[in-house]
Amino acid sequence: MPLNNIVFEQDYNIRSININANKKLGLYGLLGLLEDTTSEHAHKLDFGYESMIKQGFIWVLIRQKLKMKVWPLWHDTITIKTWTLPINGFNATREFEIFLNGEKIGACSTTWIILDSKSRRPRKITDLDHSFSPRTDYTLDFSCSKIITPEDLQIVQTIKVKNSDLDMNNHVNNTKYSQWALDLIPFEYHSKHQLNEYEINFLNESLLGDNIALYSHIDETPRNELFFYGENLNASKTAFKIKMKIQD
């Protein structure tokens, strides 16, 4: 298959609804654009939400790692390119590259599984009535990994999952976890640091009404690493783990 049918490309003009307090595209806004690009490409390839539901499956993001060198400004136009890699057992990998004025400014790797839409149990991706067209000529130089959190995380607050946290699959949307973590960082820290890496492990679904205890660890040594952990108190399970790397 021609490469232009395998690599999907989408332009986004950074508008006021996408920016943060620094008038830049922030983490939460960018994750939303990556999610939108994923959805559009999957729809084009006929394994988007509607097609999957008809087959009795849903896509679930389980890991994500993002690296950024530059964060676009308000009114910039970025190009996001995305593709899938060959299937590996139960896992599917989707990668992204982000460009500004023709220069690569970031990249992202994601790992997905499919769940039975009724039982919520994992299914083999080969169970799909669909033929994938993965990219085989190129891959990013990093991938998602298991996050090991420090032992001294401190509980900051407990929140309750609301209607606005949910997506089409009736669980907390992946972008919301980043918003929860960002809200745990003191504003002064936000103002003097730039995010370079963001990594998340999604471990168990969070559903409407669930109470999530949020923990954080902010390391202000030269490593500048931030860790966040969410415990679903209703299910007595870990909901997510997040690791960020920051530079001054």
C-alpha atoms as a PDB file:
ATOM      1  CA  MET A   1       0.000   0.000   0.000  1.00  0.00           C
ATOM      2  CA  PRO A   2       1.350   3.505  -0.804  1.00  0.00           C
ATOM      3  CA  LEU A   3       2.865   5.305   2.194  1.00  0.00           C
ATOM      4  CA  ASN A   4       0.430   8.208   1.851  1.00  0.00           C
ATOM      5  CA  ASN A   5      -2.410   5.781   2.594  1.00  0.00           C
ATOM      6  CA  ILE A   6      -0.641   4.502   5.728  1.00  0.00           C
ATOM      7  CA  VAL A   7       0.518   7.817   7.228  1.00  0.00           C
ATOM      8  CA  PHE A   8      -2.369  10.141   8.088  1.00  0.00           C
ATOM      9  CA  GLU A   9      -1.718  13.882   8.265  1.00  0.00           C
ATOM     10  CA  GLN A  10      -3.808  16.633   9.846  1.00  0.00           C
ATOM     11  CA  ASP A  11      -3.197  20.378  10.278  1.00  0.00           C
ATOM     12  CA  TYR A  12      -4.389  22.298  13.347  1.00  0.00           C
ATOM     13  CA  ASN A  13      -4.458  26.042  13.846  1.00  0.00           C
ATOM     14  CA  ILE A  14      -3.814  26.750  17.528  1.00  0.00           C
ATOM     15  CA  ARG A  15      -6.794  28.795  18.663  1.00  0.00           C
ATOM     16  CA  SER A  16      -7.751  30.391  21.968  1.00  0.00           C
ATOM     17  CA  ILE A  17      -9.627  27.234  23.021  1.00  0.00           C
ATOM     18  CA  ASN A  18      -6.378  25.214  22.790  1.00  0.00           C
ATOM     19  CA  ILE A  19      -3.966  27.385  24.764  1.00  0.00           C
ATOM     20  CA  ASN A  20      -2.989  27.577  28.428  1.00  0.00           C
ATOM     21  CA  ALA A  21      -2.169  30.539  30.695  1.00  0.00           C
ATOM     22  CA  ASN A  22       1.154  31.025  28.859  1.00  0.00           C
ATOM     23  CA  LYS A  23      -0.643  31.500  25.509  1.00  0.00           C
ATOM     24  CA  LYS A  24       0.844  28.214  24.293  1.00  0.00           C
ATOM     25  CA  LEU A  25      -0.621  24.887  23.341  1.00  0.00           C
ATOM     26  CA  GLY A  26      -0.398  22.978  26.618  1.00  0.00           C
ATOM     27  CA  LEU A  27      -0.349  19.294  27.474  1.00  0.00           C
ATOM     28  CA  TYR A  28      -4.102  18.926  27.887  1.00  0.00           C
ATOM     29  CA  GLY A  29      -4.768  20.721  24.603  1.00  0.00           C
ATOM     30  CA  LEU A  30      -2.183  18.702  22.664  1.00  0.00           C
ATOM     31  CA  LEU A  31      -3.472  15.370  23.973  1.00  0.00           C
ATOM     32  CA  GLY A  32      -6.900  16.371  22.710  1.00  0.00           C
ATOM     33  CA  LEU A  33      -5.485  17.048  19.236  1.00  0.00           C
ATOM     34  CA  LEU A  34      -3.658  13.697  19.223  1.00  0.00           C
ATOM     35  CA  GLU A  35      -6.899  11.988  20.212  1.00  0.00           C
ATOM     36  CA  ASP A  36      -8.745  13.788  17.412  1.00  0.00           C
ATOM     37  CA  THR A  37      -6.086  12.762  14.865  1.00  0.00           C
ATOM     38  CA  THR A  38      -6.354   9.151  16.040  1.00  0.00           C
ATOM     39  CA  SER A  39     -10.125   9.190  15.690  1.00  0.00           C
ATOM     40  CA  GLU A  40     -10.046  10.682  12.189  1.00  0.00           C
ATOM     41  CA  HIS A  41      -7.427   8.219  10.930  1.00  0.00           C
ATOM     42  CA  ALA A  42      -9.241   5.227  12.457  1.00  0.00           C
ATOM     43  CA  HIS A  43     -12.499   6.394  10.868  1.00  0.00           C
ATOM     44  CA  LYS A  44     -10.789   6.715   7.492  1.00  0.00           C
ATOM     45  CA  LEU A  45      -9.461   3.146   7.824  1.00  0.00           C
ATOM     46  CA  ASP A  46     -12.896   1.843   8.907  1.00  0.00           C
ATOM     47  CA  PHE A  47     -11.953   0.814  12.431  1.00  0.00           C
ATOM     48  CA  GLY A  48     -13.237   3.909  14.189  1.00  0.00           C
ATOM     49  CA  TYR A  49     -15.763   4.038  17.031  1.00  0.00           C
ATOM     50  CA  GLU A  50     -18.909   3.221  15.053  1.00  0.00           C
ATOM     51  CA  SER A  51     -17.307   0.361  13.135  1.00  0.00           C
ATOM     52  CA  MET A  52     -15.859  -1.123  16.324  1.00  0.00           C
ATOM     53  CA  ILE A  53     -19.143  -0.946  18.242  1.00  0.00           C
ATOM     54  CA  LYS A  54     -20.897  -2.836  15.435  1.00  0.00           C
ATOM     55  CA  GLN A  55     -18.355  -5.619  15.912  1.00  0.00           C
ATOM     56  CA  GLY A  56     -18.762  -5.565  19.695  1.00  0.00           C
ATOM     57  CA  PHE A  57     -15.378  -4.014  20.543  1.00  0.00           C
ATOM     58  CA  ILE A  58     -13.938  -0.758  21.844  1.00  0.00           C
ATOM     59  CA  TRP A  59     -10.404   0.637  21.589  1.00  0.00           C
ATOM     60  CA  VAL A  60      -8.744   1.398  24.936  1.00  0.00           C
ATOM     61  CA  LEU A  61      -5.524   3.362  25.375  1.00  0.00           C
ATOM     62  CA  ILE A  62      -3.286   1.691  27.979  1.00  0.00           C
ATOM     63  CA  ARG A  63       0.035   3.559  27.666  1.00  0.00           C
ATOM     64  CA  GLN A  64       1.231   6.844  26.201  1.00  0.00           C
ATOM     65  CA  LYS A  65       4.575   8.636  26.041  1.00  0.00           C
ATOM     66  CA  LEU A  66       5.026  12.139  24.644  1.00  0.00           C
ATOM     67  CA  LYS A  67       8.269  14.073  24.057  1.00  0.00           C
ATOM     68  CA  MET A  68       8.234  17.775  23.146  1.00  0.00           C
ATOM     69  CA  LYS A  69      11.091  20.145  22.256  1.00  0.00           C
ATOM     70  CA  VAL A  70       8.941  23.227  21.560  1.00  0.00           C
ATOM     71  CA  TRP A  71       5.365  24.096  22.490  1.00  0.00           C
ATOM     72  CA  PRO A  72       3.439  25.961  19.754  1.00  0.00           C
ATOM     73  CA  LEU A  73       2.137  29.458  20.363  1.00  0.00           C
ATOM     74  CA  TRP A  74      -1.347  30.854  19.900  1.00  0.00           C
ATOM     75  CA  HIS A  75      -2.080  31.225  16.139  1.00  0.00           C
ATOM     76  CA  ASP A  76       0.656  28.767  15.116  1.00  0.00           C
ATOM     77  CA  THR A  77      -0.327  25.977  12.739  1.00  0.00           C
ATOM     78  CA  ILE A  78       0.988  22.510  13.477  1.00  0.00           C
ATOM     79  CA  THR A  79       0.900  19.312  11.454  1.00  0.00           C
ATOM     80  CA  ILE A  80       0.343  15.979  13.179  1.00  0.00           C
ATOM     81  CA  LYS A  81       1.297  12.782  11.360  1.00  0.00           C
ATOM     82  CA  THR A  82       0.236   9.375  12.639  1.00  0.00           C
ATOM     83  CA  TRP A  83       0.475   5.712  11.688  1.00  0.00           C
ATOM     84  CA  THR A  84       0.127   2.256  13.211  1.00  0.00           C
ATOM     85  CA  LEU A  85       2.832  -0.386  13.597  1.00  0.00           C
ATOM     86  CA  PRO A  86       2.470  -4.161  13.081  1.00  0.00           C
ATOM     87  CA  ILE A  87       0.257  -5.856  15.664  1.00  0.00           C
ATOM     88  CA  ASN A  88       2.064  -7.406  18.650  1.00  0.00           C
ATOM     89  CA  GLY A  89      -0.194  -9.978  20.324  1.00  0.00           C
ATOM     90  CA  PHE A  90      -2.971  -8.155  22.177  1.00  0.00           C
ATOM     91  CA  ASN A  91      -1.308  -4.760  21.680  1.00  0.00           C
ATOM     92  CA  ALA A  92      -1.509  -2.222  18.879  1.00  0.00           C
ATOM     93  CA  THR A  93       0.979   0.646  18.654  1.00  0.00           C
ATOM     94  CA  ARG A  94       0.173   4.030  17.154  1.00  0.00           C
ATOM     95  CA  GLU A  95       2.875   6.672  16.732  1.00  0.00           C
ATOM     96  CA  PHE A  96       2.779  10.402  16.051  1.00  0.00           C
ATOM     97  CA  GLU A  97       5.118  13.177  14.986  1.00  0.00           C
ATOM     98  CA  ILE A  98       4.324  16.872  15.457  1.00  0.00           C
ATOM     99  CA  PHE A  99       5.670  19.563  13.123  1.00  0.00           C
ATOM    100  CA  LEU A 100       5.795  23.360  13.249  1.00  0.00           C
ATOM    101  CA  ASN A 101       6.914  25.251  10.131  1.00  0.00           C
ATOM    102  CA  GLY A 102       8.275  22.008   8.711  1.00  0.00           C
ATOM    103  CA  GLU A 103      10.411  21.245  11.795  1.00  0.00           C
ATOM    104  CA  LYS A 104       9.715  18.261  14.026  1.00  0.00           C
ATOM    105  CA  ILE A 105       8.976  19.558  17.520  1.00  0.00           C
ATOM    106  CA  GLY A 106       7.561  16.466  19.191  1.00  0.00           C
ATOM    107  CA  ALA A 107       6.617  12.816  18.995  1.00  0.00           C
ATOM    108  CA  CYS A 108       4.316  10.434  20.793  1.00  0.00           C
ATOM    109  CA  SER A 109       3.986   6.665  21.139  1.00  0.00           C
ATOM    110  CA  THR A 110       0.762   5.000  22.274  1.00  0.00           C
ATOM    111  CA  THR A 111      -0.238   1.431  23.084  1.00  0.00           C
ATOM    112  CA  TRP A 112      -3.809   0.201  22.631  1.00  0.00           C
ATOM    113  CA  ILE A 113      -5.870  -2.909  23.270  1.00  0.00           C
ATOM    114  CA  ILE A 114      -9.406  -3.842  22.313  1.00  0.00           C
ATOM    115  CA  LEU A 115     -12.044  -4.812  24.866  1.00  0.00           C
ATOM    116  CA  ASP A 116     -15.290  -6.662  24.404  1.00  0.00           C
ATOM    117  CA  SER A 117     -17.834  -3.841  24.679  1.00  0.00           C
ATOM    118  CA  LYS A 118     -20.079  -5.892  27.000  1.00  0.00           C
ATOM    119  CA  SER A 119     -17.716  -7.961  29.164  1.00  0.00           C
ATOM    120  CA  ARG A 120     -14.936  -5.309  29.158  1.00  0.00           C
ATOM    121  CA  ARG A 121     -12.411  -8.135  28.815  1.00  0.00           C
ATOM    122  CA  PRO A 122      -9.431  -7.951  26.403  1.00  0.00           C
ATOM    123  CA  ARG A 123      -9.739  -9.614  23.009  1.00  0.00           C
ATOM    124  CA  LYS A 124      -7.122 -10.447  20.418  1.00  0.00           C
ATOM    125  CA  ILE A 125      -6.847  -7.730  17.825  1.00  0.00           C
ATOM    126  CA  THR A 126      -6.887 -10.458  15.175  1.00  0.00           C
ATOM    127  CA  ASP A 127     -10.525 -11.049  16.239  1.00  0.00           C
ATOM    128  CA  LEU A 128     -11.403  -7.842  14.403  1.00  0.00           C
ATOM    129  CA  ASP A 129     -13.000  -8.238  11.006  1.00  0.00           C
ATOM    130  CA  HIS A 130     -10.456  -5.885   9.526  1.00  0.00           C
ATOM    131  CA  SER A 131      -7.132  -5.926   7.700  1.00  0.00           C
ATOM    132  CA  PHE A 132      -4.565  -3.488   9.138  1.00  0.00           C
ATOM    133  CA  SER A 133      -2.063  -1.589   7.005  1.00  0.00           C
ATOM    134  CA  PRO A 134       0.849  -0.915   9.379  1.00  0.00           C
ATOM    135  CA  ARG A 135       3.900   1.167   8.660  1.00  0.00           C
ATOM    136  CA  THR A 136       7.040  -0.964   8.320  1.00  0.00           C
ATOM    137  CA  ASP A 137       9.614   1.510   6.966  1.00  0.00           C
ATOM    138  CA  TYR A 138      10.018   3.675  10.076  1.00  0.00           C
ATOM    139  CA  THR A 139       9.412   3.831  13.823  1.00  0.00           C
ATOM    140  CA  LEU A 140      10.150   6.282  16.624  1.00  0.00           C
ATOM    141  CA  ASP A 141      13.308   5.864  18.705  1.00  0.00           C
ATOM    142  CA  PHE A 142      11.292   5.396  21.919  1.00  0.00           C
ATOM    143  CA  SER A 143       8.223   3.512  23.094  1.00  0.00           C
ATOM    144  CA  CYS A 144       5.912   3.315  26.104  1.00  0.00           C
ATOM    145  CA  SER A 145       7.112   1.622  29.275  1.00  0.00           C
ATOM    146  CA  LYS A 146       5.981   0.624  32.757  1.00  0.00           C
ATOM    147  CA  ILE A 147       6.095   3.532  35.219  1.00  0.00           C
ATOM    148  CA  ILE A 148       7.659   2.902  38.605  1.00  0.00           C
ATOM    149  CA  THR A 149       6.471   5.533  41.085  1.00  0.00           C
ATOM    150  CA  PRO A 150       8.424   6.622  44.194  1.00  0.00           C
ATOM    151  CA  GLU A 151       7.317   5.278  47.556  1.00  0.00           C
ATOM    152  CA  ASP A 152       6.884   8.718  49.119  1.00  0.00           C
ATOM    153  CA  LEU A 153       3.959  10.010  47.059  1.00  0.00           C
ATOM    154  CA  GLN A 154       1.646  12.154  49.153  1.00  0.00           C
ATOM    155  CA  ILE A 155      -2.121  12.232  48.833  1.00  0.00           C
ATOM    156  CA  VAL A 156      -3.274  15.685  47.732  1.00  0.00           C
ATOM    157  CA  GLN A 157      -7.006  15.352  47.269  1.00  0.00           C
ATOM    158  CA  THR A 158      -9.844  13.003  46.423  1.00  0.00           C
ATOM    159  CA  ILE A 159     -12.152  13.773  43.509  1.00  0.00           C
ATOM    160  CA  LYS A 160     -15.357  12.232  42.220  1.00  0.00           C
ATOM    161  CA  VAL A 161     -15.746  11.320  38.542  1.00  0.00           C
ATOM    162  CA  LYS A 162     -18.292  13.652  36.924  1.00  0.00           C
ATOM    163  CA  ASN A 163     -20.339  13.582  33.727  1.00  0.00           C
ATOM    164  CA  SER A 164     -17.879  15.912  31.998  1.00  0.00           C
ATOM    165  CA  ASP A 165     -14.987  13.495  32.634  1.00  0.00           C
ATOM    166  CA  LEU A 166     -16.505  10.745  30.473  1.00  0.00           C
ATOM    167  CA  ASP A 167     -16.026   9.886  26.801  1.00  0.00           C
ATOM    168  CA  MET A 168     -18.056   7.809  24.327  1.00  0.00           C
ATOM    169  CA  ASN A 169     -17.025   4.604  26.095  1.00  0.00           C
ATOM    170  CA  ASN A 170     -18.561   5.883  29.350  1.00  0.00           C
ATOM    171  CA  HIS A 171     -15.260   5.901  31.211  1.00  0.00           C
ATOM    172  CA  VAL A 172     -12.908   8.774  32.038  1.00  0.00           C
ATOM    173  CA  ASN A 173     -11.352  10.138  28.864  1.00  0.00           C
ATOM    174  CA  ASN A 174      -7.578   9.722  28.639  1.00  0.00           C
ATOM    175  CA  THR A 175      -6.984  13.480  28.431  1.00  0.00           C
ATOM    176  CA  LYS A 176      -8.754  14.086  31.757  1.00  0.00           C
ATOM    177  CA  TYR A 177      -6.072  12.235  33.707  1.00  0.00           C
ATOM    178  CA  SER A 178      -3.499  14.745  32.479  1.00  0.00           C
ATOM    179  CA  GLN A 179      -5.770  17.573  33.596  1.00  0.00           C
ATOM    180  CA  TRP A 180      -6.092  16.030  37.061  1.00  0.00           C
ATOM    181  CA  ALA A 181      -2.290  15.811  37.311  1.00  0.00           C
ATOM    182  CA  LEU A 182      -1.702  19.346  36.024  1.00  0.00           C
ATOM    183  CA  ASP A 183      -4.113  20.700  38.627  1.00  0.00           C
ATOM    184  CA  LEU A 184      -1.955  19.172  41.375  1.00  0.00           C
ATOM    185  CA  ILE A 185       1.111  21.237  40.357  1.00  0.00           C
ATOM    186  CA  PRO A 186       1.525  24.611  42.099  1.00  0.00           C
ATOM    187  CA  PHE A 187       0.993  27.488  39.665  1.00  0.00           C
ATOM    188  CA  GLU A 188       4.426  28.941  40.450  1.00  0.00           C
ATOM    189  CA  TYR A 189       6.000  25.672  39.332  1.00  0.00           C
ATOM    190  CA  HIS A 190       3.925  25.790  36.129  1.00  0.00           C
ATOM    191  CA  SER A 191       5.198  29.293  35.427  1.00  0.00           C
ATOM    192  CA  LYS A 192       8.939  28.618  35.660  1.00  0.00           C
ATOM    193  CA  HIS A 193       9.210  25.156  34.073  1.00  0.00           C
ATOM    194  CA  GLN A 194       8.570  23.631  30.658  1.00  0.00           C
ATOM    195  CA  LEU A 195       7.283  20.108  30.196  1.00  0.00           C
ATOM    196  CA  ASN A 196       9.538  17.953  28.018  1.00  0.00           C
ATOM    197  CA  GLU A 197       8.194  14.440  28.593  1.00  0.00           C
ATOM    198  CA  TYR A 198       4.838  13.053  29.662  1.00  0.00           C
ATOM    199  CA  GLU A 199       4.146   9.380  30.212  1.00  0.00           C
ATOM    200  CA  ILE A 200       1.030   7.647  31.529  1.00  0.00           C
ATOM    201  CA  ASN A 201      -0.026   4.079  32.288  1.00  0.00           C
ATOM    202  CA  PHE A 202      -3.784   3.515  32.312  1.00  0.00           C
ATOM    203  CA  LEU A 203      -4.303   0.577  34.655  1.00  0.00           C
ATOM    204  CA  ASN A 204      -8.042   0.355  35.362  1.00  0.00           C
ATOM    205  CA  GLU A 205     -11.140   2.156  34.108  1.00  0.00           C
ATOM    206  CA  SER A 206     -12.595   5.032  36.111  1.00  0.00           C
ATOM    207  CA  LEU A 207     -16.374   5.291  35.872  1.00  0.00           C
ATOM    208  CA  LEU A 208     -19.055   7.819  36.748  1.00  0.00           C
ATOM    209  CA  GLY A 209     -19.286   8.344  40.496  1.00  0.00           C
ATOM    210  CA  ASP A 210     -15.968   6.678  41.297  1.00  0.00           C
ATOM    211  CA  ASN A 211     -13.886   8.378  43.988  1.00  0.00           C
ATOM    212  CA  ILE A 212     -10.258   8.831  42.914  1.00  0.00           C
ATOM    213  CA  ALA A 213      -7.546   9.580  45.474  1.00  0.00           C
ATOM    214  CA  LEU A 214      -4.809  11.652  43.806  1.00  0.00           C
ATOM    215  CA  TYR A 215      -1.184  11.435  44.941  1.00  0.00           C
ATOM    216  CA  SER A 216       1.820  13.458  43.766  1.00  0.00           C
ATOM    217  CA  HIS A 217       5.609  13.669  44.079  1.00  0.00           C
ATOM    218  CA  ILE A 218       7.448  16.733  42.759  1.00  0.00           C
ATOM    219  CA  ASP A 219      11.233  16.385  42.605  1.00  0.00           C
ATOM    220  CA  GLU A 220      12.945  19.778  42.377  1.00  0.00           C
ATOM    221  CA  THR A 221      16.459  18.343  42.137  1.00  0.00           C
ATOM    222  CA  PRO A 222      18.261  18.613  38.765  1.00  0.00           C
ATOM    223  CA  ARG A 223      16.245  15.586  37.617  1.00  0.00           C
ATOM    224  CA  ASN A 224      13.005  17.634  37.764  1.00  0.00           C
ATOM    225  CA  GLU A 225      10.725  14.590  37.702  1.00  0.00           C
ATOM    226  CA  LEU A 226       7.080  14.671  38.681  1.00  0.00           C
ATOM    227  CA  PHE A 227       5.012  11.591  39.514  1.00  0.00           C
ATOM    228  CA  PHE A 228       1.277  11.224  39.962  1.00  0.00           C
ATOM    229  CA  TYR A 229      -0.804   8.275  41.030  1.00  0.00           C
ATOM    230  CA  GLY A 230      -4.560   7.750  41.105  1.00  0.00           C
ATOM    231  CA  GLU A 231      -6.264   5.162  43.318  1.00  0.00           C
ATOM    232  CA  ASN A 232      -9.868   4.210  42.567  1.00  0.00           C
ATOM    233  CA  LEU A 233     -11.323   3.931  46.062  1.00  0.00           C
ATOM    234  CA  ASN A 234     -14.554   2.338  44.837  1.00  0.00           C
ATOM    235  CA  ALA A 235     -12.786  -0.507  43.061  1.00  0.00           C
ATOM    236  CA  SER A 236      -9.728  -0.621  45.391  1.00  0.00           C
ATOM    237  CA  LYS A 237      -7.491  -0.553  42.323  1.00  0.00           C
ATOM    238  CA  THR A 238      -4.827   1.688  40.821  1.00  0.00           C
ATOM    239  CA  ALA A 239      -6.425   3.822  38.115  1.00  0.00           C
ATOM    240  CA  PHE A 240      -3.314   5.407  36.562  1.00  0.00           C
ATOM    241  CA  LYS A 241       0.329   6.396  36.989  1.00  0.00           C
ATOM    242  CA  ILE A 242       1.920   9.479  35.395  1.00  0.00           C
ATOM    243  CA  LYS A 243       5.533  10.568  35.038  1.00  0.00           C
ATOM    244  CA  MET A 244       6.634  13.988  33.759  1.00  0.00           C
ATOM    245  CA  LYS A 245      10.061  15.437  33.046  1.00  0.00           C
ATOM    246  CA  ILE A 246      10.522  19.184  33.290  1.00  0.00           C
ATOM    247  CA  GLN A 247      13.198  21.707  32.374  1.00  0.00           C
ATOM    248  CA  ASP A 248      13.683  25.235  33.705  1.00  0.00           C
END
